[in-house]
Amino acid sequence: MTSDPDVAGRFKVLLEELMKLLGGFFVGDFIPSLGWVNRLVGVDRRVDKTFKEFDEMLESILVEHEGSNGSVEEGCQSFVDVLLEAQRDGKTTSHFLGRDNIKALLMDMLVGGTDTSATLLEWVMAELLKHPRVMKKLQHEVRTITKGKLEISDSDLDQMTYLKQVMLETLRLHPPVPLLGPRELIEDSTIMGYELEAGTLVFTNAWAIGRDPRSWDEPEEFRPERFTNGCLDRGQDFDVIPFGAGRRGCPGRAFALAINELVVANLVGRFDWTLPDGIKTKDLDMNECALPTIHRRYHLRAMAITI
């Protein structure tokens, strides 16, 4: 999206601050009459600062793409180029795409597709290192299908059924977004005996659903083989819904799975992996930290060995 390494570094710092703000407990959000507390403790100032810096970063990305038509001339437009072209075309129609609209779309793509993917990949590698049997089985599948090729194609990924099972099992235990996006009831409803009025915000706990013993045998165990009977997340299997379900499910589901599968296939196909400093698999810390996305409490450290 941008060739400036400074922008990438700024984005990482801003993303961490954004996650802290989104996951923090601020009394003014729950008791509006105490909103002055947020101002007193500096929360409002942090929000304004983060917004301003994000806006400046996105503006610099747009300016960079407006000043360079290289990718467009080569017929290889980026997402930013497509949005800017839509903005130019829209100036002559009633469907005008404003600059703030473009920034909002970029924000959705960057925040929604970056932190969640990085979180999922870290959990996948942690579970594989925690379970050497699964790691060896996955490595065997990937290396057998790729046969030493450096480039993994879509057709290769389609054949990696165990890889898909590993990804889904990780998503079941560690959905990057444990509480799915809130939904507002449009009419009075009764859910599990609870009477809820229209207008009530409802959150779906995907983390709890994925560990419900009524749906899963030994739910705390990491066992990808539980998905061998064709039970795959398609947005309609409501016992595992890391991407939500139905018409309001995540539109980036297919893209996210494909990208993450490709990364994992490359990591396990090209390298053997071990824990550093003599750490044993049974001692690998698998605790979570409470944020809008479920990160590991401590970042995973692992050593790659070229095969």
C-alpha atoms as a PDB file:
ATOM      1  CA  MET A   1       0.000   0.000   0.000  1.00  0.00           C
ATOM      2  CA  THR A   2       2.974   2.273   0.638  1.00  0.00           C
ATOM      3  CA  SER A   3       6.699   1.974   0.054  1.00  0.00           C
ATOM      4  CA  ASP A   4       7.644   4.199   2.988  1.00  0.00           C
ATOM      5  CA  PRO A   5       9.082   2.079   5.859  1.00  0.00           C
ATOM      6  CA  ASP A   6       8.446   4.936   8.284  1.00  0.00           C
ATOM      7  CA  VAL A   7       4.720   4.709   7.572  1.00  0.00           C
ATOM      8  CA  ALA A   8       4.753   0.976   8.327  1.00  0.00           C
ATOM      9  CA  GLY A   9       6.499   1.634  11.635  1.00  0.00           C
ATOM     10  CA  ARG A  10       4.055   4.387  12.566  1.00  0.00           C
ATOM     11  CA  PHE A  11       1.131   2.151  11.699  1.00  0.00           C
ATOM     12  CA  LYS A  12       2.313  -0.576  14.064  1.00  0.00           C
ATOM     13  CA  VAL A  13       2.618   1.874  16.952  1.00  0.00           C
ATOM     14  CA  LEU A  14      -0.749   3.463  16.207  1.00  0.00           C
ATOM     15  CA  LEU A  15      -2.422   0.073  15.885  1.00  0.00           C
ATOM     16  CA  GLU A  16      -1.181  -0.976  19.318  1.00  0.00           C
ATOM     17  CA  GLU A  17      -2.519   2.241  20.838  1.00  0.00           C
ATOM     18  CA  LEU A  18      -5.844   1.823  19.035  1.00  0.00           C
ATOM     19  CA  MET A  19      -6.243  -1.720  20.398  1.00  0.00           C
ATOM     20  CA  LYS A  20      -5.563  -0.455  23.918  1.00  0.00           C
ATOM     21  CA  LEU A  21      -8.180   2.254  23.531  1.00  0.00           C
ATOM     22  CA  LEU A  22     -10.753  -0.128  22.077  1.00  0.00           C
ATOM     23  CA  GLY A  23     -10.159  -2.723  24.773  1.00  0.00           C
ATOM     24  CA  GLY A  24      -9.814  -0.403  27.740  1.00  0.00           C
ATOM     25  CA  PHE A  25     -12.474   0.132  30.393  1.00  0.00           C
ATOM     26  CA  PHE A  26     -13.492   3.785  30.533  1.00  0.00           C
ATOM     27  CA  VAL A  27     -16.272   4.680  32.925  1.00  0.00           C
ATOM     28  CA  GLY A  28     -17.659   7.456  30.726  1.00  0.00           C
ATOM     29  CA  ASP A  29     -18.506   4.900  28.032  1.00  0.00           C
ATOM     30  CA  PHE A  30     -20.848   3.071  30.394  1.00  0.00           C
ATOM     31  CA  ILE A  31     -22.153   5.953  32.508  1.00  0.00           C
ATOM     32  CA  PRO A  32     -22.530   8.994  30.208  1.00  0.00           C
ATOM     33  CA  SER A  33     -23.048  11.355  33.140  1.00  0.00           C
ATOM     34  CA  LEU A  34     -19.492  10.529  34.232  1.00  0.00           C
ATOM     35  CA  GLY A  35     -18.023  11.326  30.825  1.00  0.00           C
ATOM     36  CA  TRP A  36     -15.958  14.064  32.438  1.00  0.00           C
ATOM     37  CA  VAL A  37     -13.838  11.312  34.022  1.00  0.00           C
ATOM     38  CA  ASN A  38     -12.541  10.352  30.576  1.00  0.00           C
ATOM     39  CA  ARG A  39     -11.393  13.920  30.046  1.00  0.00           C
ATOM     40  CA  LEU A  40      -9.875  14.104  33.523  1.00  0.00           C
ATOM     41  CA  VAL A  41      -7.730  10.976  33.133  1.00  0.00           C
ATOM     42  CA  GLY A  42      -6.621  11.884  29.606  1.00  0.00           C
ATOM     43  CA  VAL A  43      -8.620   9.327  27.631  1.00  0.00           C
ATOM     44  CA  ASP A  44     -10.195  11.917  25.341  1.00  0.00           C
ATOM     45  CA  ARG A  45      -6.778  13.406  24.659  1.00  0.00           C
ATOM     46  CA  ARG A  46      -5.380   9.968  23.714  1.00  0.00           C
ATOM     47  CA  VAL A  47      -8.323   9.346  21.389  1.00  0.00           C
ATOM     48  CA  ASP A  48      -7.909  12.710  19.659  1.00  0.00           C
ATOM     49  CA  LYS A  49      -4.153  12.202  19.292  1.00  0.00           C
ATOM     50  CA  THR A  50      -4.560   8.715  17.842  1.00  0.00           C
ATOM     51  CA  PHE A  51      -7.237   9.888  15.408  1.00  0.00           C
ATOM     52  CA  LYS A  52      -5.090  12.788  14.225  1.00  0.00           C
ATOM     53  CA  GLU A  53      -2.014  10.622  13.684  1.00  0.00           C
ATOM     54  CA  PHE A  54      -4.016   7.952  11.847  1.00  0.00           C
ATOM     55  CA  ASP A  55      -5.533  10.636   9.619  1.00  0.00           C
ATOM     56  CA  GLU A  56      -2.087  12.061   8.833  1.00  0.00           C
ATOM     57  CA  MET A  57      -0.729   8.599   8.016  1.00  0.00           C
ATOM     58  CA  LEU A  58      -3.628   7.793   5.689  1.00  0.00           C
ATOM     59  CA  GLU A  59      -3.318  11.200   4.040  1.00  0.00           C
ATOM     60  CA  SER A  60       0.359  10.534   3.319  1.00  0.00           C
ATOM     61  CA  ILE A  61      -0.579   7.206   1.691  1.00  0.00           C
ATOM     62  CA  LEU A  62      -3.144   8.900  -0.549  1.00  0.00           C
ATOM     63  CA  VAL A  63      -0.703  11.649  -1.532  1.00  0.00           C
ATOM     64  CA  GLU A  64       1.938   9.071  -2.421  1.00  0.00           C
ATOM     65  CA  HIS A  65      -0.462   7.191  -4.715  1.00  0.00           C
ATOM     66  CA  GLU A  66      -1.786  10.381  -6.292  1.00  0.00           C
ATOM     67  CA  GLY A  67       1.761  11.357  -7.191  1.00  0.00           C
ATOM     68  CA  SER A  68       2.637   8.041  -8.796  1.00  0.00           C
ATOM     69  CA  ASN A  69       0.779   6.444 -11.710  1.00  0.00           C
ATOM     70  CA  GLY A  70       3.257   3.596 -12.157  1.00  0.00           C
ATOM     71  CA  SER A  71       1.061   0.835 -10.851  1.00  0.00           C
ATOM     72  CA  VAL A  72      -1.913   2.107 -12.825  1.00  0.00           C
ATOM     73  CA  GLU A  73       0.044   2.281 -16.108  1.00  0.00           C
ATOM     74  CA  GLU A  74       1.249  -1.293 -15.634  1.00  0.00           C
ATOM     75  CA  GLY A  75      -2.319  -2.505 -15.141  1.00  0.00           C
ATOM     76  CA  CYS A  76      -1.615  -3.550 -11.567  1.00  0.00           C
ATOM     77  CA  GLN A  77      -3.661  -1.225  -9.423  1.00  0.00           C
ATOM     78  CA  SER A  78      -3.587  -1.385  -5.657  1.00  0.00           C
ATOM     79  CA  PHE A  79      -6.694  -1.037  -3.514  1.00  0.00           C
ATOM     80  CA  VAL A  80      -5.795   2.618  -2.915  1.00  0.00           C
ATOM     81  CA  ASP A  81      -5.473   3.258  -6.661  1.00  0.00           C
ATOM     82  CA  VAL A  82      -8.899   1.736  -7.270  1.00  0.00           C
ATOM     83  CA  LEU A  83     -10.493   3.950  -4.623  1.00  0.00           C
ATOM     84  CA  LEU A  84      -8.819   7.085  -5.982  1.00  0.00           C
ATOM     85  CA  GLU A  85      -9.949   6.220  -9.498  1.00  0.00           C
ATOM     86  CA  ALA A  86     -13.495   5.710  -8.222  1.00  0.00           C
ATOM     87  CA  GLN A  87     -13.291   9.118  -6.587  1.00  0.00           C
ATOM     88  CA  ARG A  88     -12.205  10.758  -9.853  1.00  0.00           C
ATOM     89  CA  ASP A  89     -14.947   9.007 -11.834  1.00  0.00           C
ATOM     90  CA  GLY A  90     -17.533   9.818  -9.175  1.00  0.00           C
ATOM     91  CA  LYS A  91     -17.024  13.559  -9.485  1.00  0.00           C
ATOM     92  CA  THR A  92     -19.196  13.494 -12.597  1.00  0.00           C
ATOM     93  CA  THR A  93     -21.965  11.419 -10.989  1.00  0.00           C
ATOM     94  CA  SER A  94     -24.135  11.542  -7.903  1.00  0.00           C
ATOM     95  CA  HIS A  95     -22.100   8.734  -6.296  1.00  0.00           C
ATOM     96  CA  PHE A  96     -19.169  10.800  -5.112  1.00  0.00           C
ATOM     97  CA  LEU A  97     -16.584   9.083  -2.933  1.00  0.00           C
ATOM     98  CA  GLY A  98     -15.113  11.652  -0.573  1.00  0.00           C
ATOM     99  CA  ARG A  99     -11.603  11.662   0.825  1.00  0.00           C
ATOM    100  CA  ASP A 100     -12.866  10.851   4.314  1.00  0.00           C
ATOM    101  CA  ASN A 101     -14.807   7.922   2.822  1.00  0.00           C
ATOM    102  CA  ILE A 102     -11.607   6.559   1.293  1.00  0.00           C
ATOM    103  CA  LYS A 103      -9.731   6.938   4.570  1.00  0.00           C
ATOM    104  CA  ALA A 104     -12.518   5.136   6.421  1.00  0.00           C
ATOM    105  CA  LEU A 105     -12.359   2.228   3.963  1.00  0.00           C
ATOM    106  CA  LEU A 106      -8.571   2.032   4.283  1.00  0.00           C
ATOM    107  CA  MET A 107      -8.896   2.135   8.057  1.00  0.00           C
ATOM    108  CA  ASP A 108     -11.319  -0.782   7.961  1.00  0.00           C
ATOM    109  CA  MET A 109      -8.987  -2.804   5.740  1.00  0.00           C
ATOM    110  CA  LEU A 110      -5.828  -2.032   7.690  1.00  0.00           C
ATOM    111  CA  VAL A 111      -7.185  -2.474  11.204  1.00  0.00           C
ATOM    112  CA  GLY A 112      -9.619  -5.276  10.422  1.00  0.00           C
ATOM    113  CA  GLY A 113      -7.217  -7.330   8.335  1.00  0.00           C
ATOM    114  CA  THR A 114      -3.824  -6.717   9.938  1.00  0.00           C
ATOM    115  CA  ASP A 115      -4.015  -7.217  13.690  1.00  0.00           C
ATOM    116  CA  THR A 116      -6.416 -10.152  13.411  1.00  0.00           C
ATOM    117  CA  SER A 117      -4.263 -12.003  10.855  1.00  0.00           C
ATOM    118  CA  ALA A 118      -1.063 -11.461  12.845  1.00  0.00           C
ATOM    119  CA  THR A 119      -2.823 -12.692  15.981  1.00  0.00           C
ATOM    120  CA  LEU A 120      -4.141 -15.814  14.249  1.00  0.00           C
ATOM    121  CA  LEU A 121      -0.752 -16.676  12.753  1.00  0.00           C
ATOM    122  CA  GLU A 122       0.940 -16.406  16.137  1.00  0.00           C
ATOM    123  CA  TRP A 123      -1.638 -18.714  17.713  1.00  0.00           C
ATOM    124  CA  VAL A 124      -1.299 -21.244  14.875  1.00  0.00           C
ATOM    125  CA  MET A 125       2.470 -21.458  15.286  1.00  0.00           C
ATOM    126  CA  ALA A 126       2.151 -21.611  19.083  1.00  0.00           C
ATOM    127  CA  GLU A 127      -0.284 -24.535  18.891  1.00  0.00           C
ATOM    128  CA  LEU A 128       1.917 -26.333  16.353  1.00  0.00           C
ATOM    129  CA  LEU A 129       4.961 -25.944  18.585  1.00  0.00           C
ATOM    130  CA  LYS A 130       2.891 -27.056  21.564  1.00  0.00           C
ATOM    131  CA  HIS A 131       1.799 -30.183  19.670  1.00  0.00           C
ATOM    132  CA  PRO A 132       4.761 -31.685  17.740  1.00  0.00           C
ATOM    133  CA  ARG A 133       2.577 -34.515  16.389  1.00  0.00           C
ATOM    134  CA  VAL A 134       0.341 -32.024  14.620  1.00  0.00           C
ATOM    135  CA  MET A 135       3.360 -30.073  13.363  1.00  0.00           C
ATOM    136  CA  LYS A 136       4.934 -33.179  11.812  1.00  0.00           C
ATOM    137  CA  LYS A 137       1.675 -34.268  10.212  1.00  0.00           C
ATOM    138  CA  LEU A 138       1.130 -30.814   8.709  1.00  0.00           C
ATOM    139  CA  GLN A 139       4.731 -30.562   7.493  1.00  0.00           C
ATOM    140  CA  HIS A 140       4.404 -33.949   5.816  1.00  0.00           C
ATOM    141  CA  GLU A 141       1.246 -32.855   3.990  1.00  0.00           C
ATOM    142  CA  VAL A 142       2.670 -29.530   2.829  1.00  0.00           C
ATOM    143  CA  ARG A 143       6.021 -30.956   1.716  1.00  0.00           C
ATOM    144  CA  THR A 144       4.409 -33.891  -0.073  1.00  0.00           C
ATOM    145  CA  ILE A 145       2.105 -31.630  -2.067  1.00  0.00           C
ATOM    146  CA  THR A 146       4.626 -28.903  -2.891  1.00  0.00           C
ATOM    147  CA  LYS A 147       7.494 -31.333  -3.670  1.00  0.00           C
ATOM    148  CA  GLY A 148      10.134 -28.718  -2.970  1.00  0.00           C
ATOM    149  CA  LYS A 149       8.543 -25.926  -5.007  1.00  0.00           C
ATOM    150  CA  LEU A 150       9.272 -22.414  -3.788  1.00  0.00           C
ATOM    151  CA  GLU A 151       5.940 -21.070  -5.010  1.00  0.00           C
ATOM    152  CA  ILE A 152       2.753 -22.463  -3.464  1.00  0.00           C
ATOM    153  CA  SER A 153      -0.247 -22.114  -5.785  1.00  0.00           C
ATOM    154  CA  ASP A 154      -3.961 -21.916  -5.056  1.00  0.00           C
ATOM    155  CA  SER A 155      -4.355 -25.450  -6.377  1.00  0.00           C
ATOM    156  CA  ASP A 156      -1.742 -26.622  -3.853  1.00  0.00           C
ATOM    157  CA  LEU A 157      -3.675 -25.001  -1.002  1.00  0.00           C
ATOM    158  CA  ASP A 158      -6.887 -26.654  -2.181  1.00  0.00           C
ATOM    159  CA  GLN A 159      -5.261 -30.047  -1.616  1.00  0.00           C
ATOM    160  CA  MET A 160      -4.032 -29.256   1.902  1.00  0.00           C
ATOM    161  CA  THR A 161      -7.001 -30.540   3.856  1.00  0.00           C
ATOM    162  CA  TYR A 162      -5.096 -30.970   7.113  1.00  0.00           C
ATOM    163  CA  LEU A 163      -3.864 -27.381   6.896  1.00  0.00           C
ATOM    164  CA  LYS A 164      -7.481 -26.228   6.716  1.00  0.00           C
ATOM    165  CA  GLN A 165      -8.324 -28.367   9.741  1.00  0.00           C
ATOM    166  CA  VAL A 166      -5.414 -26.843  11.695  1.00  0.00           C
ATOM    167  CA  MET A 167      -6.582 -23.332  10.826  1.00  0.00           C
ATOM    168  CA  LEU A 168     -10.169 -24.032  11.871  1.00  0.00           C
ATOM    169  CA  GLU A 169      -9.139 -25.708  15.110  1.00  0.00           C
ATOM    170  CA  THR A 170      -7.001 -22.683  15.946  1.00  0.00           C
ATOM    171  CA  LEU A 171      -9.899 -20.356  15.130  1.00  0.00           C
ATOM    172  CA  ARG A 172     -12.173 -22.456  17.341  1.00  0.00           C
ATOM    173  CA  LEU A 173      -9.865 -22.143  20.355  1.00  0.00           C
ATOM    174  CA  HIS A 174      -8.472 -18.693  19.630  1.00  0.00           C
ATOM    175  CA  PRO A 175     -10.893 -16.583  17.553  1.00  0.00           C
ATOM    176  CA  PRO A 176      -8.984 -13.300  16.999  1.00  0.00           C
ATOM    177  CA  VAL A 177     -12.155 -11.342  17.825  1.00  0.00           C
ATOM    178  CA  PRO A 178     -13.762 -13.188  20.761  1.00  0.00           C
ATOM    179  CA  LEU A 179     -16.866 -10.974  20.885  1.00  0.00           C
ATOM    180  CA  LEU A 180     -18.322 -10.533  17.422  1.00  0.00           C
ATOM    181  CA  GLY A 181     -19.603  -7.169  16.294  1.00  0.00           C
ATOM    182  CA  PRO A 182     -22.639  -5.950  18.264  1.00  0.00           C
ATOM    183  CA  ARG A 183     -26.107  -6.372  16.811  1.00  0.00           C
ATOM    184  CA  GLU A 184     -29.159  -4.290  17.691  1.00  0.00           C
ATOM    185  CA  LEU A 185     -32.440  -6.113  18.071  1.00  0.00           C
ATOM    186  CA  ILE A 186     -35.126  -4.678  15.790  1.00  0.00           C
ATOM    187  CA  GLU A 187     -37.946  -6.266  17.776  1.00  0.00           C
ATOM    188  CA  ASP A 188     -38.606  -7.708  21.227  1.00  0.00           C
ATOM    189  CA  SER A 189     -37.018 -11.161  21.450  1.00  0.00           C
ATOM    190  CA  THR A 190     -36.570 -14.031  23.861  1.00  0.00           C
ATOM    191  CA  ILE A 191     -33.146 -15.688  23.844  1.00  0.00           C
ATOM    192  CA  MET A 192     -32.492 -18.694  26.094  1.00  0.00           C
ATOM    193  CA  GLY A 193     -35.291 -17.568  28.379  1.00  0.00           C
ATOM    194  CA  TYR A 194     -34.123 -13.958  28.599  1.00  0.00           C
ATOM    195  CA  GLU A 195     -36.575 -11.328  27.406  1.00  0.00           C
ATOM    196  CA  LEU A 196     -34.844  -8.580  25.463  1.00  0.00           C
ATOM    197  CA  GLU A 197     -36.402  -5.348  24.259  1.00  0.00           C
ATOM    198  CA  ALA A 198     -36.030  -3.946  20.778  1.00  0.00           C
ATOM    199  CA  GLY A 199     -32.965  -1.727  20.565  1.00  0.00           C
ATOM    200  CA  THR A 200     -30.897  -3.926  22.897  1.00  0.00           C
ATOM    201  CA  LEU A 201     -27.288  -4.462  21.805  1.00  0.00           C
ATOM    202  CA  VAL A 202     -26.378  -8.139  21.651  1.00  0.00           C
ATOM    203  CA  PHE A 203     -22.829  -9.494  21.539  1.00  0.00           C
ATOM    204  CA  THR A 204     -22.090 -13.046  20.357  1.00  0.00           C
ATOM    205  CA  ASN A 205     -19.312 -14.742  22.323  1.00  0.00           C
ATOM    206  CA  ALA A 206     -17.503 -16.745  19.623  1.00  0.00           C
ATOM    207  CA  TRP A 207     -14.790 -17.714  22.133  1.00  0.00           C
ATOM    208  CA  ALA A 208     -17.302 -19.385  24.471  1.00  0.00           C
ATOM    209  CA  ILE A 209     -19.169 -21.069  21.600  1.00  0.00           C
ATOM    210  CA  GLY A 210     -15.938 -22.641  20.375  1.00  0.00           C
ATOM    211  CA  ARG A 211     -15.272 -24.133  23.817  1.00  0.00           C
ATOM    212  CA  ASP A 212     -18.803 -25.242  24.660  1.00  0.00           C
ATOM    213  CA  PRO A 213     -18.686 -28.898  25.855  1.00  0.00           C
ATOM    214  CA  ARG A 214     -22.224 -29.359  24.549  1.00  0.00           C
ATOM    215  CA  SER A 215     -20.893 -28.932  21.023  1.00  0.00           C
ATOM    216  CA  TRP A 216     -17.325 -30.149  21.308  1.00  0.00           C
ATOM    217  CA  ASP A 217     -15.735 -33.292  22.729  1.00  0.00           C
ATOM    218  CA  GLU A 218     -12.819 -32.297  25.010  1.00  0.00           C
ATOM    219  CA  PRO A 219     -13.120 -28.659  23.932  1.00  0.00           C
ATOM    220  CA  GLU A 220      -9.876 -27.522  25.589  1.00  0.00           C
ATOM    221  CA  GLU A 221      -7.816 -29.997  23.523  1.00  0.00           C
ATOM    222  CA  PHE A 222      -6.156 -28.909  20.288  1.00  0.00           C
ATOM    223  CA  ARG A 223      -7.257 -31.640  17.898  1.00  0.00           C
ATOM    224  CA  PRO A 224      -7.556 -30.617  14.209  1.00  0.00           C
ATOM    225  CA  GLU A 225      -8.871 -34.071  13.322  1.00  0.00           C
ATOM    226  CA  ARG A 226     -12.249 -33.104  14.778  1.00  0.00           C
ATOM    227  CA  PHE A 227     -12.914 -31.319  11.459  1.00  0.00           C
ATOM    228  CA  THR A 228     -12.288 -34.352   9.222  1.00  0.00           C
ATOM    229  CA  ASN A 229     -15.978 -35.119   8.761  1.00  0.00           C
ATOM    230  CA  GLY A 230     -16.604 -32.082   6.623  1.00  0.00           C
ATOM    231  CA  CYS A 231     -17.499 -29.790   9.529  1.00  0.00           C
ATOM    232  CA  LEU A 232     -15.956 -26.632   8.110  1.00  0.00           C
ATOM    233  CA  ASP A 233     -16.749 -23.031   8.884  1.00  0.00           C
ATOM    234  CA  ARG A 234     -18.898 -21.759   6.031  1.00  0.00           C
ATOM    235  CA  GLY A 235     -20.679 -19.087   8.022  1.00  0.00           C
ATOM    236  CA  GLN A 236     -23.579 -21.481   8.545  1.00  0.00           C
ATOM    237  CA  ASP A 237     -22.067 -23.884  11.098  1.00  0.00           C
ATOM    238  CA  PHE A 238     -23.070 -22.038  14.225  1.00  0.00           C
ATOM    239  CA  ASP A 239     -20.887 -24.018  16.644  1.00  0.00           C
ATOM    240  CA  VAL A 240     -17.775 -22.367  15.172  1.00  0.00           C
ATOM    241  CA  ILE A 241     -18.269 -18.794  13.914  1.00  0.00           C
ATOM    242  CA  PRO A 242     -14.977 -16.845  14.131  1.00  0.00           C
ATOM    243  CA  PHE A 243     -16.116 -14.765  11.151  1.00  0.00           C
ATOM    244  CA  GLY A 244     -19.701 -14.370  12.233  1.00  0.00           C
ATOM    245  CA  ALA A 245     -22.543 -15.901  10.238  1.00  0.00           C
ATOM    246  CA  GLY A 246     -25.220 -15.156   7.699  1.00  0.00           C
ATOM    247  CA  ARG A 247     -25.573 -11.913   5.770  1.00  0.00           C
ATOM    248  CA  ARG A 248     -23.695  -9.973   8.461  1.00  0.00           C
ATOM    249  CA  GLY A 249     -20.698 -12.310   8.486  1.00  0.00           C
ATOM    250  CA  CYS A 250     -17.206 -10.981   7.787  1.00  0.00           C
ATOM    251  CA  PRO A 251     -16.882 -10.209   4.041  1.00  0.00           C
ATOM    252  CA  GLY A 252     -13.138 -10.873   4.225  1.00  0.00           C
ATOM    253  CA  ARG A 253     -13.486 -14.465   5.426  1.00  0.00           C
ATOM    254  CA  ALA A 254     -12.334 -16.234   2.238  1.00  0.00           C
ATOM    255  CA  PHE A 255      -9.478 -13.770   1.695  1.00  0.00           C
ATOM    256  CA  ALA A 256      -8.299 -14.027   5.313  1.00  0.00           C
ATOM    257  CA  LEU A 257      -8.276 -17.835   5.290  1.00  0.00           C
ATOM    258  CA  ALA A 258      -6.413 -18.001   1.971  1.00  0.00           C
ATOM    259  CA  ILE A 259      -3.740 -15.523   3.037  1.00  0.00           C
ATOM    260  CA  ASN A 260      -3.167 -17.145   6.421  1.00  0.00           C
ATOM    261  CA  GLU A 261      -3.094 -20.649   4.946  1.00  0.00           C
ATOM    262  CA  LEU A 262      -0.481 -19.505   2.435  1.00  0.00           C
ATOM    263  CA  VAL A 263       1.743 -18.034   5.166  1.00  0.00           C
ATOM    264  CA  VAL A 264       1.487 -21.109   7.400  1.00  0.00           C
ATOM    265  CA  ALA A 265       2.156 -23.466   4.474  1.00  0.00           C
ATOM    266  CA  ASN A 266       5.343 -21.554   3.668  1.00  0.00           C
ATOM    267  CA  LEU A 267       6.476 -21.459   7.290  1.00  0.00           C
ATOM    268  CA  VAL A 268       6.068 -25.162   7.986  1.00  0.00           C
ATOM    269  CA  GLY A 269       6.999 -26.294   4.483  1.00  0.00           C
ATOM    270  CA  ARG A 270      10.352 -24.533   4.290  1.00  0.00           C
ATOM    271  CA  PHE A 271      11.499 -24.722   7.891  1.00  0.00           C
ATOM    272  CA  ASP A 272      11.642 -26.947  10.920  1.00  0.00           C
ATOM    273  CA  TRP A 273      10.747 -25.141  14.131  1.00  0.00           C
ATOM    274  CA  THR A 274      11.894 -25.361  17.717  1.00  0.00           C
ATOM    275  CA  LEU A 275      11.548 -23.368  20.922  1.00  0.00           C
ATOM    276  CA  PRO A 276      14.580 -21.313  22.020  1.00  0.00           C
ATOM    277  CA  ASP A 277      16.628 -21.519  25.203  1.00  0.00           C
ATOM    278  CA  GLY A 278      15.769 -25.151  25.823  1.00  0.00           C
ATOM    279  CA  ILE A 279      12.104 -24.418  26.554  1.00  0.00           C
ATOM    280  CA  LYS A 280      10.019 -27.576  26.561  1.00  0.00           C
ATOM    281  CA  THR A 281       6.705 -27.741  24.746  1.00  0.00           C
ATOM    282  CA  LYS A 282       4.813 -28.434  27.971  1.00  0.00           C
ATOM    283  CA  ASP A 283       6.187 -25.186  29.409  1.00  0.00           C
ATOM    284  CA  LEU A 284       5.084 -23.004  26.482  1.00  0.00           C
ATOM    285  CA  ASP A 285       2.884 -20.242  27.903  1.00  0.00           C
ATOM    286  CA  MET A 286      -0.522 -20.245  26.170  1.00  0.00           C
ATOM    287  CA  ASN A 287      -2.202 -17.554  28.265  1.00  0.00           C
ATOM    288  CA  GLU A 288      -4.230 -14.834  26.590  1.00  0.00           C
ATOM    289  CA  CYS A 289      -4.474 -11.122  27.218  1.00  0.00           C
ATOM    290  CA  ALA A 290      -7.730  -9.189  27.243  1.00  0.00           C
ATOM    291  CA  LEU A 291      -7.988  -6.891  24.222  1.00  0.00           C
ATOM    292  CA  PRO A 292     -10.515  -6.584  21.384  1.00  0.00           C
ATOM    293  CA  THR A 293      -8.353  -9.175  19.641  1.00  0.00           C
ATOM    294  CA  ILE A 294      -7.080 -12.073  21.750  1.00  0.00           C
ATOM    295  CA  HIS A 295      -3.297 -11.807  21.670  1.00  0.00           C
ATOM    296  CA  ARG A 296      -0.944 -14.119  23.462  1.00  0.00           C
ATOM    297  CA  ARG A 297       0.079 -12.663  26.808  1.00  0.00           C
ATOM    298  CA  TYR A 298       3.706 -12.990  25.717  1.00  0.00           C
ATOM    299  CA  HIS A 299       4.832 -12.862  22.104  1.00  0.00           C
ATOM    300  CA  LEU A 300       5.894 -16.215  20.680  1.00  0.00           C
ATOM    301  CA  ARG A 301       9.622 -16.773  20.250  1.00  0.00           C
ATOM    302  CA  ALA A 302      10.715 -19.639  18.007  1.00  0.00           C
ATOM    303  CA  MET A 303      13.767 -20.714  16.015  1.00  0.00           C
ATOM    304  CA  ALA A 304      13.515 -21.581  12.318  1.00  0.00           C
ATOM    305  CA  ILE A 305      15.815 -24.259  10.916  1.00  0.00           C
ATOM    306  CA  THR A 306      16.239 -24.414   7.146  1.00  0.00           C
ATOM    307  CA  ILE A 307      15.579 -27.889   5.808  1.00  0.00           C
END
